[in-house]
Amino acid sequence: MVHVPVRASSTNAGSVSLASCACLHLLNPNSSLITTDFTITVEWMKYALYISITLLWVFAVTPQVQAHNLTVDQSIGAVLHIDPGDDPIVNQPAYFFFEIKDKTGKFDFKNCVCIVTITVSENPLFSQTLDSTSGYPSLAYTFPEKNSYTVTLSGTPKQPGLFQPFTLTYPVQVAHTASTSLPLSRRATYSIILVGTLTLVGTGLLAFRIRFREQ
């Protein structure tokens, strides 16, 4: 059985790199974006706006990057998604969705007795047959406390030979309560404040470099 962390996106890393390059260019005393009469040019303003939008995207608009666990048992593998945001919250329903793939093409969820078991320290807490009424094999569970849990998906064919039986396990860390988990609106507010602060600091540093250069 193989666990492979699947990153949702590399957008954040690329955006941070682009923003870093632009910042370094702005703070270069030989930059063509700096005028000798201590005015901020339209070109500089365009770069400042670009940096602000990039930082806002990284910290507020783009969902936090989480690693989806891809687990493989011979020819069958599945990615587990947990809503909300692959970051379950204590005493609030967490919704599990499984993307199941079979290299041989034999697997069909309609022919599977698929059962999900949730354990903590090898002690069983929950077991339920998967439902597919939502379009994906899914179920809901409310974690009772912060802890490290193990989610196990086992599948057996309703008739022998329809597909290979499989067992897939996923580690799930529950680390937040409702009081410690920030909603998106508050994260966006804090991110806008951060972006504004960084922009002001960058402008002040740029002005200092220009004044120092003119002395």
N, C-alpha and C. Protein backbone atom coordinates (compact mmCIF):
# COMPACT_ATOMS: atom_id res chain seq x y z
N MET A 1 0.85 -1.19 0.00
CA MET A 1 0.00 0.00 0.00
C MET A 1 0.89 1.24 0.00
N VAL A 2 0.60 2.17 -0.86
CA VAL A 2 1.45 3.34 -1.04
C VAL A 2 0.65 4.59 -0.76
N HIS A 3 1.21 5.52 0.04
CA HIS A 3 0.60 6.81 0.29
C HIS A 3 1.36 7.86 -0.51
N VAL A 4 0.67 8.62 -1.31
CA VAL A 4 1.30 9.67 -2.12
C VAL A 4 0.59 10.99 -1.84
N PRO A 5 1.31 12.01 -1.28
CA PRO A 5 0.65 13.31 -1.09
C PRO A 5 0.46 14.00 -2.42
N VAL A 6 -0.77 14.38 -2.73
CA VAL A 6 -1.09 15.04 -3.99
C VAL A 6 -1.38 16.49 -3.71
N ARG A 7 -0.53 17.40 -4.17
CA ARG A 7 -0.73 18.82 -3.94
C ARG A 7 -1.83 19.35 -4.81
N ALA A 8 -2.70 20.18 -4.18
CA ALA A 8 -3.84 20.72 -4.92
C ALA A 8 -3.42 21.63 -6.04
N SER A 9 -2.36 22.41 -5.81
CA SER A 9 -1.96 23.37 -6.82
C SER A 9 -0.57 23.87 -6.50
N SER A 10 0.20 24.28 -7.53
CA SER A 10 1.49 24.93 -7.34
C SER A 10 1.38 26.42 -7.57
N THR A 11 0.16 26.94 -7.66
CA THR A 11 -0.05 28.36 -7.95
C THR A 11 0.58 29.23 -6.89
N ASN A 12 0.44 28.83 -5.61
CA ASN A 12 0.94 29.65 -4.53
C ASN A 12 2.44 29.86 -4.64
N ALA A 13 3.16 28.75 -4.85
CA ALA A 13 4.61 28.86 -4.92
C ALA A 13 5.04 29.75 -6.07
N GLY A 14 4.42 29.59 -7.23
CA GLY A 14 4.76 30.42 -8.38
C GLY A 14 4.44 31.87 -8.14
N SER A 15 3.31 32.15 -7.52
CA SER A 15 2.92 33.52 -7.26
C SER A 15 3.88 34.19 -6.30
N VAL A 16 4.29 33.44 -5.26
CA VAL A 16 5.23 34.01 -4.30
C VAL A 16 6.55 34.33 -4.98
N SER A 17 7.02 33.43 -5.87
CA SER A 17 8.27 33.68 -6.58
C SER A 17 8.19 34.93 -7.44
N LEU A 18 7.08 35.07 -8.18
CA LEU A 18 6.92 36.25 -9.02
C LEU A 18 6.88 37.52 -8.19
N ALA A 19 6.16 37.48 -7.08
CA ALA A 19 6.08 38.65 -6.23
C ALA A 19 7.44 39.00 -5.65
N SER A 20 8.22 37.97 -5.25
CA SER A 20 9.55 38.21 -4.70
C SER A 20 10.45 38.88 -5.73
N CYS A 21 10.40 38.38 -6.98
CA CYS A 21 11.22 38.97 -8.03
C CYS A 21 10.86 40.44 -8.26
N ALA A 22 9.57 40.72 -8.29
CA ALA A 22 9.14 42.09 -8.51
C ALA A 22 9.59 42.99 -7.38
N CYS A 23 9.50 42.50 -6.11
CA CYS A 23 9.95 43.30 -4.97
C CYS A 23 11.43 43.61 -5.05
N LEU A 24 12.23 42.60 -5.39
CA LEU A 24 13.67 42.82 -5.51
C LEU A 24 13.98 43.85 -6.59
N HIS A 25 13.21 43.80 -7.69
CA HIS A 25 13.42 44.75 -8.77
C HIS A 25 13.09 46.17 -8.31
N LEU A 26 12.05 46.31 -7.53
CA LEU A 26 11.64 47.64 -7.06
C LEU A 26 12.67 48.23 -6.11
N LEU A 27 13.29 47.39 -5.29
CA LEU A 27 14.22 47.87 -4.29
C LEU A 27 15.65 48.01 -4.81
N ASN A 28 15.86 47.73 -6.08
CA ASN A 28 17.17 47.88 -6.70
C ASN A 28 17.44 49.37 -6.94
N PRO A 29 18.49 49.96 -6.38
CA PRO A 29 18.74 51.39 -6.56
C PRO A 29 19.00 51.78 -8.01
N ASN A 30 19.35 50.83 -8.86
CA ASN A 30 19.59 51.14 -10.28
C ASN A 30 18.38 50.85 -11.14
N SER A 31 17.24 50.58 -10.50
CA SER A 31 16.05 50.21 -11.25
C SER A 31 15.58 51.34 -12.14
N SER A 32 15.14 50.98 -13.36
CA SER A 32 14.60 51.99 -14.28
C SER A 32 13.24 52.48 -13.85
N LEU A 33 12.66 51.85 -12.82
CA LEU A 33 11.35 52.27 -12.37
C LEU A 33 11.43 53.47 -11.42
N ILE A 34 12.64 53.86 -10.99
CA ILE A 34 12.81 54.93 -10.02
C ILE A 34 13.20 56.21 -10.77
N THR A 35 12.52 57.31 -10.47
CA THR A 35 12.84 58.60 -11.07
C THR A 35 13.68 59.40 -10.09
N THR A 36 14.52 60.29 -10.60
CA THR A 36 15.45 61.05 -9.76
C THR A 36 14.78 62.22 -9.07
N ASP A 37 13.56 62.58 -9.44
CA ASP A 37 12.89 63.71 -8.80
C ASP A 37 11.97 63.25 -7.67
N PHE A 38 12.19 62.01 -7.15
CA PHE A 38 11.50 61.51 -5.97
C PHE A 38 9.99 61.40 -6.19
N THR A 39 9.59 61.08 -7.40
CA THR A 39 8.17 60.82 -7.67
C THR A 39 8.01 59.36 -8.02
N ILE A 40 6.84 58.84 -7.71
CA ILE A 40 6.53 57.44 -8.04
C ILE A 40 5.90 57.41 -9.41
N THR A 41 6.51 56.77 -10.34
CA THR A 41 6.04 56.76 -11.70
C THR A 41 4.85 55.84 -11.87
N VAL A 42 4.16 56.02 -13.00
CA VAL A 42 3.02 55.16 -13.31
C VAL A 42 3.47 53.71 -13.42
N GLU A 43 4.68 53.51 -13.96
CA GLU A 43 5.19 52.15 -14.10
C GLU A 43 5.38 51.49 -12.74
N TRP A 44 5.93 52.26 -11.78
CA TRP A 44 6.10 51.72 -10.44
C TRP A 44 4.76 51.37 -9.82
N MET A 45 3.76 52.23 -10.02
CA MET A 45 2.44 51.98 -9.47
C MET A 45 1.85 50.70 -10.03
N LYS A 46 2.10 50.43 -11.32
CA LYS A 46 1.60 49.20 -11.93
C LYS A 46 2.24 47.99 -11.26
N TYR A 47 3.55 48.07 -10.98
CA TYR A 47 4.22 46.96 -10.32
C TYR A 47 3.72 46.79 -8.89
N ALA A 48 3.50 47.90 -8.18
CA ALA A 48 3.00 47.83 -6.81
C ALA A 48 1.61 47.20 -6.78
N LEU A 49 0.77 47.57 -7.77
CA LEU A 49 -0.56 46.99 -7.84
C LEU A 49 -0.48 45.50 -8.13
N TYR A 50 0.42 45.13 -9.01
CA TYR A 50 0.61 43.70 -9.33
C TYR A 50 1.01 42.91 -8.10
N ILE A 51 1.94 43.46 -7.31
CA ILE A 51 2.40 42.78 -6.11
C ILE A 51 1.25 42.63 -5.11
N SER A 52 0.47 43.70 -4.94
CA SER A 52 -0.64 43.65 -3.99
C SER A 52 -1.66 42.60 -4.40
N ILE A 53 -2.00 42.55 -5.68
CA ILE A 53 -2.97 41.56 -6.15
C ILE A 53 -2.42 40.15 -5.98
N THR A 54 -1.14 39.97 -6.26
CA THR A 54 -0.53 38.65 -6.12
C THR A 54 -0.57 38.18 -4.67
N LEU A 55 -0.20 39.08 -3.74
CA LEU A 55 -0.21 38.71 -2.33
C LEU A 55 -1.63 38.42 -1.84
N LEU A 56 -2.58 39.22 -2.32
CA LEU A 56 -3.97 38.98 -1.95
C LEU A 56 -4.43 37.61 -2.43
N TRP A 57 -4.04 37.25 -3.64
CA TRP A 57 -4.38 35.93 -4.19
C TRP A 57 -3.77 34.83 -3.35
N VAL A 58 -2.49 35.00 -2.98
CA VAL A 58 -1.79 33.96 -2.23
C VAL A 58 -2.40 33.75 -0.86
N PHE A 59 -2.71 34.85 -0.16
CA PHE A 59 -3.11 34.74 1.24
C PHE A 59 -4.62 34.69 1.45
N ALA A 60 -5.42 35.16 0.50
CA ALA A 60 -6.85 35.26 0.76
C ALA A 60 -7.70 34.50 -0.23
N VAL A 61 -7.47 34.70 -1.53
CA VAL A 61 -8.37 34.14 -2.53
C VAL A 61 -8.10 32.67 -2.74
N THR A 62 -6.82 32.31 -2.88
CA THR A 62 -6.47 30.91 -3.11
C THR A 62 -6.70 30.10 -1.86
N PRO A 63 -7.42 28.98 -1.96
CA PRO A 63 -7.60 28.13 -0.78
C PRO A 63 -6.26 27.65 -0.27
N GLN A 64 -6.20 27.42 1.03
CA GLN A 64 -4.98 26.91 1.60
C GLN A 64 -4.64 25.57 0.95
N VAL A 65 -3.34 25.46 0.69
CA VAL A 65 -2.90 24.24 0.02
C VAL A 65 -2.90 23.09 1.03
N GLN A 66 -3.59 22.04 0.67
CA GLN A 66 -3.63 20.87 1.50
C GLN A 66 -3.21 19.68 0.65
N ALA A 67 -2.62 18.73 1.38
CA ALA A 67 -2.20 17.52 0.68
C ALA A 67 -3.31 16.48 0.72
N HIS A 68 -3.84 16.11 -0.45
CA HIS A 68 -4.79 15.01 -0.52
C HIS A 68 -4.00 13.71 -0.50
N ASN A 69 -4.52 12.75 0.24
CA ASN A 69 -3.82 11.47 0.34
C ASN A 69 -4.31 10.51 -0.74
N LEU A 70 -3.40 10.15 -1.63
CA LEU A 70 -3.66 9.11 -2.61
C LEU A 70 -3.08 7.81 -2.07
N THR A 71 -3.94 6.83 -1.85
CA THR A 71 -3.50 5.53 -1.37
C THR A 71 -3.78 4.49 -2.44
N VAL A 72 -2.83 3.59 -2.64
CA VAL A 72 -2.92 2.59 -3.72
C VAL A 72 -2.77 1.20 -3.13
N ASP A 73 -3.65 0.31 -3.54
CA ASP A 73 -3.54 -1.11 -3.20
C ASP A 73 -3.56 -1.89 -4.52
N GLN A 74 -2.38 -2.29 -4.98
CA GLN A 74 -2.19 -2.96 -6.25
C GLN A 74 -2.75 -2.11 -7.40
N SER A 75 -3.82 -2.55 -8.05
CA SER A 75 -4.29 -1.81 -9.23
C SER A 75 -5.32 -0.74 -8.89
N ILE A 76 -5.80 -0.71 -7.64
CA ILE A 76 -6.85 0.24 -7.26
C ILE A 76 -6.30 1.29 -6.31
N GLY A 77 -6.64 2.54 -6.59
CA GLY A 77 -6.23 3.65 -5.73
C GLY A 77 -7.38 4.62 -5.56
N ALA A 78 -7.29 5.44 -4.53
CA ALA A 78 -8.35 6.42 -4.27
C ALA A 78 -7.76 7.64 -3.58
N VAL A 79 -8.28 8.80 -3.96
CA VAL A 79 -7.93 10.06 -3.31
C VAL A 79 -9.07 10.42 -2.37
N LEU A 80 -8.73 10.75 -1.14
CA LEU A 80 -9.72 11.16 -0.15
C LEU A 80 -9.77 12.68 -0.06
N HIS A 81 -10.97 13.25 -0.25
CA HIS A 81 -11.21 14.68 -0.04
C HIS A 81 -12.11 14.83 1.18
N ILE A 82 -11.82 15.82 2.01
CA ILE A 82 -12.63 16.08 3.18
C ILE A 82 -13.12 17.53 3.13
N ASP A 83 -14.43 17.70 3.26
CA ASP A 83 -15.02 19.03 3.30
C ASP A 83 -15.47 19.29 4.75
N PRO A 84 -15.05 20.41 5.36
CA PRO A 84 -14.51 21.62 4.74
C PRO A 84 -12.99 21.63 4.60
N GLY A 85 -12.54 22.00 3.39
CA GLY A 85 -11.15 22.35 3.13
C GLY A 85 -10.09 21.36 3.53
N ASP A 86 -10.42 20.06 3.55
CA ASP A 86 -9.46 19.04 3.98
C ASP A 86 -8.91 19.34 5.36
N ASP A 87 -9.72 20.02 6.17
CA ASP A 87 -9.31 20.41 7.52
C ASP A 87 -10.52 20.25 8.46
N PRO A 88 -10.83 19.02 8.85
CA PRO A 88 -12.03 18.79 9.67
C PRO A 88 -11.97 19.52 11.00
N ILE A 89 -13.15 19.91 11.50
CA ILE A 89 -13.28 20.69 12.73
C ILE A 89 -14.02 19.85 13.76
N VAL A 90 -13.53 19.91 14.99
CA VAL A 90 -14.13 19.14 16.08
C VAL A 90 -15.61 19.52 16.26
N ASN A 91 -16.45 18.50 16.44
CA ASN A 91 -17.88 18.67 16.71
C ASN A 91 -18.65 19.34 15.57
N GLN A 92 -18.09 19.31 14.38
CA GLN A 92 -18.81 19.77 13.19
C GLN A 92 -18.73 18.68 12.13
N PRO A 93 -19.81 18.45 11.36
CA PRO A 93 -19.79 17.37 10.37
C PRO A 93 -18.67 17.54 9.35
N ALA A 94 -17.96 16.47 9.11
CA ALA A 94 -16.95 16.42 8.04
C ALA A 94 -17.48 15.47 6.97
N TYR A 95 -17.37 15.89 5.72
CA TYR A 95 -17.91 15.11 4.61
C TYR A 95 -16.75 14.51 3.81
N PHE A 96 -16.78 13.20 3.66
CA PHE A 96 -15.71 12.46 2.99
C PHE A 96 -16.15 12.08 1.58
N PHE A 97 -15.25 12.36 0.61
CA PHE A 97 -15.50 11.98 -0.78
C PHE A 97 -14.29 11.20 -1.29
N PHE A 98 -14.56 10.09 -1.95
CA PHE A 98 -13.48 9.24 -2.45
C PHE A 98 -13.52 9.21 -3.98
N GLU A 99 -12.37 9.48 -4.58
CA GLU A 99 -12.20 9.30 -6.03
C GLU A 99 -11.46 7.99 -6.23
N ILE A 100 -12.18 6.98 -6.66
CA ILE A 100 -11.62 5.64 -6.79
C ILE A 100 -11.30 5.34 -8.25
N LYS A 101 -10.07 4.89 -8.50
CA LYS A 101 -9.62 4.55 -9.85
C LYS A 101 -9.05 3.14 -9.86
N ASP A 102 -9.26 2.46 -10.98
CA ASP A 102 -8.75 1.10 -11.16
C ASP A 102 -7.97 1.05 -12.47
N LYS A 103 -6.69 0.70 -12.39
CA LYS A 103 -5.86 0.64 -13.59
C LYS A 103 -6.39 -0.37 -14.60
N THR A 104 -7.05 -1.40 -14.11
CA THR A 104 -7.56 -2.43 -15.02
C THR A 104 -8.92 -2.04 -15.62
N GLY A 105 -9.56 -1.03 -15.05
CA GLY A 105 -10.86 -0.60 -15.55
C GLY A 105 -12.01 -1.49 -15.12
N LYS A 106 -11.77 -2.43 -14.24
CA LYS A 106 -12.82 -3.37 -13.83
C LYS A 106 -13.71 -2.81 -12.72
N PHE A 107 -13.19 -1.89 -11.94
CA PHE A 107 -13.95 -1.44 -10.77
C PHE A 107 -15.18 -0.65 -11.17
N ASP A 108 -16.30 -0.97 -10.53
CA ASP A 108 -17.55 -0.23 -10.68
C ASP A 108 -18.16 -0.14 -9.29
N PHE A 109 -18.41 1.08 -8.85
CA PHE A 109 -18.89 1.27 -7.48
C PHE A 109 -20.20 0.53 -7.22
N LYS A 110 -21.01 0.38 -8.25
CA LYS A 110 -22.29 -0.33 -8.09
C LYS A 110 -22.07 -1.79 -7.71
N ASN A 111 -20.91 -2.34 -8.04
CA ASN A 111 -20.62 -3.74 -7.74
C ASN A 111 -19.77 -3.91 -6.49
N CYS A 112 -19.63 -2.84 -5.70
CA CYS A 112 -18.72 -2.86 -4.55
C CYS A 112 -19.48 -2.76 -3.23
N VAL A 113 -19.08 -3.57 -2.29
CA VAL A 113 -19.47 -3.37 -0.90
C VAL A 113 -18.32 -2.60 -0.26
N CYS A 114 -18.45 -1.28 -0.26
CA CYS A 114 -17.38 -0.40 0.19
C CYS A 114 -17.71 0.12 1.59
N ILE A 115 -16.84 -0.13 2.53
CA ILE A 115 -17.08 0.23 3.93
C ILE A 115 -15.94 1.14 4.41
N VAL A 116 -16.32 2.20 5.10
CA VAL A 116 -15.35 3.12 5.70
C VAL A 116 -15.35 2.92 7.21
N THR A 117 -14.16 2.75 7.75
CA THR A 117 -13.99 2.61 9.19
C THR A 117 -13.07 3.72 9.69
N ILE A 118 -13.44 4.34 10.80
CA ILE A 118 -12.61 5.39 11.41
C ILE A 118 -12.15 4.89 12.77
N THR A 119 -10.84 4.94 12.99
CA THR A 119 -10.26 4.49 14.25
C THR A 119 -9.34 5.56 14.82
N VAL A 120 -9.11 5.46 16.12
CA VAL A 120 -8.10 6.29 16.79
C VAL A 120 -7.31 5.37 17.71
N SER A 121 -6.00 5.36 17.53
CA SER A 121 -5.14 4.44 18.29
C SER A 121 -5.64 3.00 18.19
N GLU A 122 -6.06 2.63 16.97
CA GLU A 122 -6.53 1.29 16.64
C GLU A 122 -7.87 0.94 17.31
N ASN A 123 -8.49 1.88 17.97
CA ASN A 123 -9.81 1.64 18.56
C ASN A 123 -10.88 2.11 17.59
N PRO A 124 -11.79 1.23 17.17
CA PRO A 124 -12.82 1.63 16.20
C PRO A 124 -13.82 2.62 16.80
N LEU A 125 -14.13 3.67 16.02
CA LEU A 125 -15.10 4.67 16.43
C LEU A 125 -16.34 4.68 15.56
N PHE A 126 -16.15 4.27 14.29
CA PHE A 126 -17.24 4.47 13.32
C PHE A 126 -17.04 3.52 12.16
N SER A 127 -18.15 3.01 11.63
CA SER A 127 -18.10 2.18 10.43
C SER A 127 -19.40 2.34 9.67
N GLN A 128 -19.28 2.56 8.36
CA GLN A 128 -20.48 2.78 7.56
C GLN A 128 -20.20 2.43 6.10
N THR A 129 -21.24 1.93 5.43
CA THR A 129 -21.14 1.65 4.00
C THR A 129 -21.21 2.95 3.22
N LEU A 130 -20.37 3.07 2.19
CA LEU A 130 -20.34 4.28 1.37
C LEU A 130 -21.62 4.44 0.57
N ASP A 131 -22.02 5.69 0.41
CA ASP A 131 -23.20 6.03 -0.40
C ASP A 131 -22.72 6.84 -1.60
N SER A 132 -23.39 6.72 -2.74
CA SER A 132 -22.97 7.45 -3.95
C SER A 132 -24.08 8.35 -4.48
N THR A 133 -25.05 8.69 -3.65
CA THR A 133 -26.16 9.53 -4.13
C THR A 133 -25.71 10.93 -4.51
N SER A 134 -24.56 11.39 -3.95
CA SER A 134 -24.06 12.72 -4.26
C SER A 134 -23.24 12.75 -5.55
N GLY A 135 -23.04 11.60 -6.18
CA GLY A 135 -22.23 11.53 -7.39
C GLY A 135 -20.89 10.88 -7.15
N TYR A 136 -20.33 11.09 -5.95
CA TYR A 136 -19.09 10.44 -5.55
C TYR A 136 -19.40 9.55 -4.35
N PRO A 137 -18.65 8.44 -4.19
CA PRO A 137 -18.78 7.68 -2.95
C PRO A 137 -18.45 8.58 -1.77
N SER A 138 -19.40 8.73 -0.83
CA SER A 138 -19.22 9.72 0.23
C SER A 138 -19.95 9.31 1.50
N LEU A 139 -19.61 10.00 2.59
CA LEU A 139 -20.30 9.85 3.87
C LEU A 139 -19.95 11.04 4.74
N ALA A 140 -20.64 11.16 5.88
CA ALA A 140 -20.39 12.24 6.83
C ALA A 140 -20.05 11.65 8.19
N TYR A 141 -19.15 12.36 8.90
CA TYR A 141 -18.78 11.94 10.25
C TYR A 141 -18.36 13.17 11.03
N THR A 142 -18.71 13.20 12.33
CA THR A 142 -18.33 14.31 13.20
C THR A 142 -17.25 13.83 14.17
N PHE A 143 -16.07 14.41 14.07
CA PHE A 143 -14.98 14.03 14.95
C PHE A 143 -15.23 14.60 16.35
N PRO A 144 -15.08 13.78 17.39
CA PRO A 144 -15.44 14.24 18.74
C PRO A 144 -14.38 15.10 19.42
N GLU A 145 -13.13 15.00 18.98
CA GLU A 145 -12.06 15.72 19.66
C GLU A 145 -10.84 15.84 18.76
N LYS A 146 -9.91 16.70 19.17
CA LYS A 146 -8.65 16.81 18.46
C LYS A 146 -7.87 15.52 18.65
N ASN A 147 -7.38 14.98 17.55
CA ASN A 147 -6.62 13.74 17.65
C ASN A 147 -6.13 13.34 16.26
N SER A 148 -5.32 12.29 16.24
CA SER A 148 -4.88 11.69 14.98
C SER A 148 -5.73 10.46 14.71
N TYR A 149 -6.45 10.48 13.60
CA TYR A 149 -7.38 9.42 13.26
C TYR A 149 -6.88 8.66 12.04
N THR A 150 -7.40 7.47 11.87
CA THR A 150 -7.13 6.68 10.67
C THR A 150 -8.45 6.33 9.99
N VAL A 151 -8.55 6.68 8.72
CA VAL A 151 -9.73 6.36 7.93
C VAL A 151 -9.36 5.20 7.00
N THR A 152 -10.13 4.14 7.04
CA THR A 152 -9.86 2.96 6.22
C THR A 152 -11.03 2.71 5.29
N LEU A 153 -10.72 2.60 4.01
CA LEU A 153 -11.72 2.25 3.00
C LEU A 153 -11.43 0.83 2.51
N SER A 154 -12.37 -0.06 2.72
CA SER A 154 -12.21 -1.44 2.24
C SER A 154 -13.32 -1.74 1.23
N GLY A 155 -12.95 -2.44 0.17
CA GLY A 155 -13.91 -2.76 -0.87
C GLY A 155 -13.82 -4.22 -1.29
N THR A 156 -14.96 -4.87 -1.36
CA THR A 156 -15.03 -6.24 -1.85
C THR A 156 -16.11 -6.32 -2.92
N PRO A 157 -15.89 -7.10 -3.97
CA PRO A 157 -16.90 -7.22 -5.03
C PRO A 157 -18.12 -8.00 -4.58
N LYS A 158 -19.29 -7.61 -5.08
CA LYS A 158 -20.51 -8.33 -4.74
C LYS A 158 -20.50 -9.74 -5.30
N GLN A 159 -19.75 -9.90 -6.39
CA GLN A 159 -19.56 -11.23 -6.96
C GLN A 159 -18.07 -11.42 -7.19
N PRO A 160 -17.53 -12.59 -6.86
CA PRO A 160 -16.09 -12.82 -7.02
C PRO A 160 -15.63 -12.57 -8.46
N GLY A 161 -14.46 -11.92 -8.58
CA GLY A 161 -13.85 -11.72 -9.88
C GLY A 161 -14.24 -10.44 -10.59
N LEU A 162 -15.19 -9.68 -10.04
CA LEU A 162 -15.58 -8.44 -10.71
C LEU A 162 -14.46 -7.41 -10.67
N PHE A 163 -13.73 -7.37 -9.57
CA PHE A 163 -12.55 -6.52 -9.44
C PHE A 163 -11.74 -7.02 -8.25
N GLN A 164 -10.56 -6.47 -8.12
CA GLN A 164 -9.67 -6.87 -7.03
C GLN A 164 -10.12 -6.26 -5.70
N PRO A 165 -10.31 -7.07 -4.64
CA PRO A 165 -10.59 -6.50 -3.32
C PRO A 165 -9.45 -5.58 -2.88
N PHE A 166 -9.77 -4.58 -2.11
CA PHE A 166 -8.74 -3.61 -1.73
C PHE A 166 -9.01 -3.08 -0.33
N THR A 167 -7.93 -2.58 0.29
CA THR A 167 -8.00 -1.89 1.58
C THR A 167 -7.08 -0.68 1.50
N LEU A 168 -7.64 0.50 1.74
CA LEU A 168 -6.89 1.75 1.65
C LEU A 168 -7.00 2.50 2.97
N THR A 169 -5.89 2.96 3.50
CA THR A 169 -5.90 3.68 4.78
C THR A 169 -5.37 5.10 4.60
N TYR A 170 -5.94 6.03 5.38
CA TYR A 170 -5.58 7.45 5.29
C TYR A 170 -5.41 8.03 6.70
N PRO A 171 -4.29 8.67 6.97
CA PRO A 171 -4.16 9.39 8.24
C PRO A 171 -4.90 10.73 8.16
N VAL A 172 -5.67 11.06 9.18
CA VAL A 172 -6.41 12.32 9.22
C VAL A 172 -6.12 13.00 10.55
N GLN A 173 -5.60 14.21 10.48
CA GLN A 173 -5.29 14.98 11.68
C GLN A 173 -6.40 16.00 11.92
N VAL A 174 -7.04 15.93 13.08
CA VAL A 174 -8.05 16.90 13.46
C VAL A 174 -7.43 17.81 14.52
N ALA A 175 -7.20 19.06 14.14
CA ALA A 175 -6.44 19.96 15.01
C ALA A 175 -7.16 21.26 15.34
N HIS A 176 -8.40 21.43 14.86
CA HIS A 176 -9.07 22.71 15.06
C HIS A 176 -10.46 22.51 15.65
N THR A 177 -10.86 23.49 16.45
CA THR A 177 -12.24 23.60 16.90
C THR A 177 -12.87 24.78 16.18
N ALA A 178 -14.18 24.96 16.38
CA ALA A 178 -14.87 26.06 15.70
C ALA A 178 -14.31 27.40 16.12
N SER A 179 -13.81 27.52 17.35
CA SER A 179 -13.29 28.80 17.84
C SER A 179 -11.91 29.12 17.31
N THR A 180 -11.16 28.09 16.85
CA THR A 180 -9.80 28.33 16.36
C THR A 180 -9.70 28.30 14.85
N SER A 181 -10.78 27.94 14.18
CA SER A 181 -10.76 27.89 12.71
C SER A 181 -11.33 29.18 12.15
N LEU A 182 -10.51 29.94 11.41
CA LEU A 182 -10.94 31.21 10.85
C LEU A 182 -11.77 31.00 9.61
N PRO A 183 -12.95 31.62 9.50
CA PRO A 183 -13.70 31.56 8.26
C PRO A 183 -12.99 32.33 7.16
N LEU A 184 -13.37 32.06 5.92
CA LEU A 184 -12.72 32.68 4.77
C LEU A 184 -12.80 34.20 4.83
N SER A 185 -13.95 34.76 5.28
CA SER A 185 -14.10 36.21 5.31
C SER A 185 -13.09 36.86 6.24
N ARG A 186 -12.85 36.24 7.41
CA ARG A 186 -11.87 36.80 8.34
C ARG A 186 -10.46 36.62 7.82
N ARG A 187 -10.17 35.47 7.19
CA ARG A 187 -8.85 35.30 6.59
C ARG A 187 -8.61 36.35 5.53
N ALA A 188 -9.65 36.65 4.72
CA ALA A 188 -9.51 37.66 3.67
C ALA A 188 -9.25 39.03 4.28
N THR A 189 -9.96 39.36 5.38
CA THR A 189 -9.75 40.65 6.03
C THR A 189 -8.33 40.78 6.54
N TYR A 190 -7.84 39.76 7.24
CA TYR A 190 -6.47 39.80 7.74
C TYR A 190 -5.47 39.87 6.60
N SER A 191 -5.78 39.18 5.50
CA SER A 191 -4.86 39.18 4.36
C SER A 191 -4.80 40.56 3.71
N ILE A 192 -5.95 41.23 3.61
CA ILE A 192 -5.96 42.58 3.04
C ILE A 192 -5.14 43.52 3.90
N ILE A 193 -5.28 43.38 5.24
CA ILE A 193 -4.47 44.20 6.14
C ILE A 193 -2.99 43.92 5.94
N LEU A 194 -2.65 42.64 5.79
CA LEU A 194 -1.25 42.27 5.56
C LEU A 194 -0.72 42.85 4.27
N VAL A 195 -1.53 42.73 3.20
CA VAL A 195 -1.12 43.27 1.90
C VAL A 195 -0.90 44.77 1.99
N GLY A 196 -1.85 45.49 2.64
CA GLY A 196 -1.71 46.93 2.78
C GLY A 196 -0.46 47.31 3.55
N THR A 197 -0.19 46.57 4.63
CA THR A 197 1.00 46.85 5.44
C THR A 197 2.28 46.63 4.64
N LEU A 198 2.33 45.52 3.91
CA LEU A 198 3.52 45.23 3.11
C LEU A 198 3.73 46.29 2.03
N THR A 199 2.62 46.74 1.42
CA THR A 199 2.73 47.76 0.39
C THR A 199 3.26 49.06 0.96
N LEU A 200 2.75 49.47 2.14
CA LEU A 200 3.22 50.70 2.77
C LEU A 200 4.68 50.60 3.16
N VAL A 201 5.06 49.44 3.73
CA VAL A 201 6.47 49.26 4.11
C VAL A 201 7.36 49.29 2.88
N GLY A 202 6.92 48.63 1.81
CA GLY A 202 7.72 48.64 0.58
C GLY A 202 7.86 50.04 0.00
N THR A 203 6.78 50.82 0.03
CA THR A 203 6.83 52.19 -0.48
C THR A 203 7.78 53.04 0.35
N GLY A 204 7.69 52.88 1.69
CA GLY A 204 8.59 53.64 2.55
C GLY A 204 10.04 53.29 2.33
N LEU A 205 10.31 51.98 2.18
CA LEU A 205 11.68 51.55 1.93
C LEU A 205 12.20 52.07 0.60
N LEU A 206 11.33 52.06 -0.41
CA LEU A 206 11.71 52.58 -1.71
C LEU A 206 12.01 54.07 -1.63
N ALA A 207 11.18 54.81 -0.91
CA ALA A 207 11.40 56.25 -0.75
C ALA A 207 12.72 56.52 -0.04
N PHE A 208 13.01 55.72 0.98
CA PHE A 208 14.27 55.88 1.70
C PHE A 208 15.46 55.64 0.79
N ARG A 209 15.37 54.61 -0.05
CA ARG A 209 16.47 54.32 -0.97
C ARG A 209 16.68 55.45 -1.96
N ILE A 210 15.57 56.04 -2.42
CA ILE A 210 15.67 57.14 -3.38
C ILE A 210 16.32 58.35 -2.71
N ARG A 211 15.83 58.68 -1.50
CA ARG A 211 16.39 59.85 -0.79
C ARG A 211 17.85 59.63 -0.51
N PHE A 212 18.24 58.43 -0.06
CA PHE A 212 19.62 58.11 0.23
C PHE A 212 20.47 58.26 -1.02
N ARG A 213 19.90 57.90 -2.17
CA ARG A 213 20.63 57.96 -3.42
C ARG A 213 20.86 59.40 -3.86
N GLU A 214 19.89 60.30 -3.52
CA GLU A 214 20.02 61.68 -3.95
C GLU A 214 20.96 62.49 -3.06
N GLN A 215 21.23 61.97 -1.84
CA GLN A 215 22.12 62.72 -0.94
C GLN A 215 23.58 62.59 -1.38
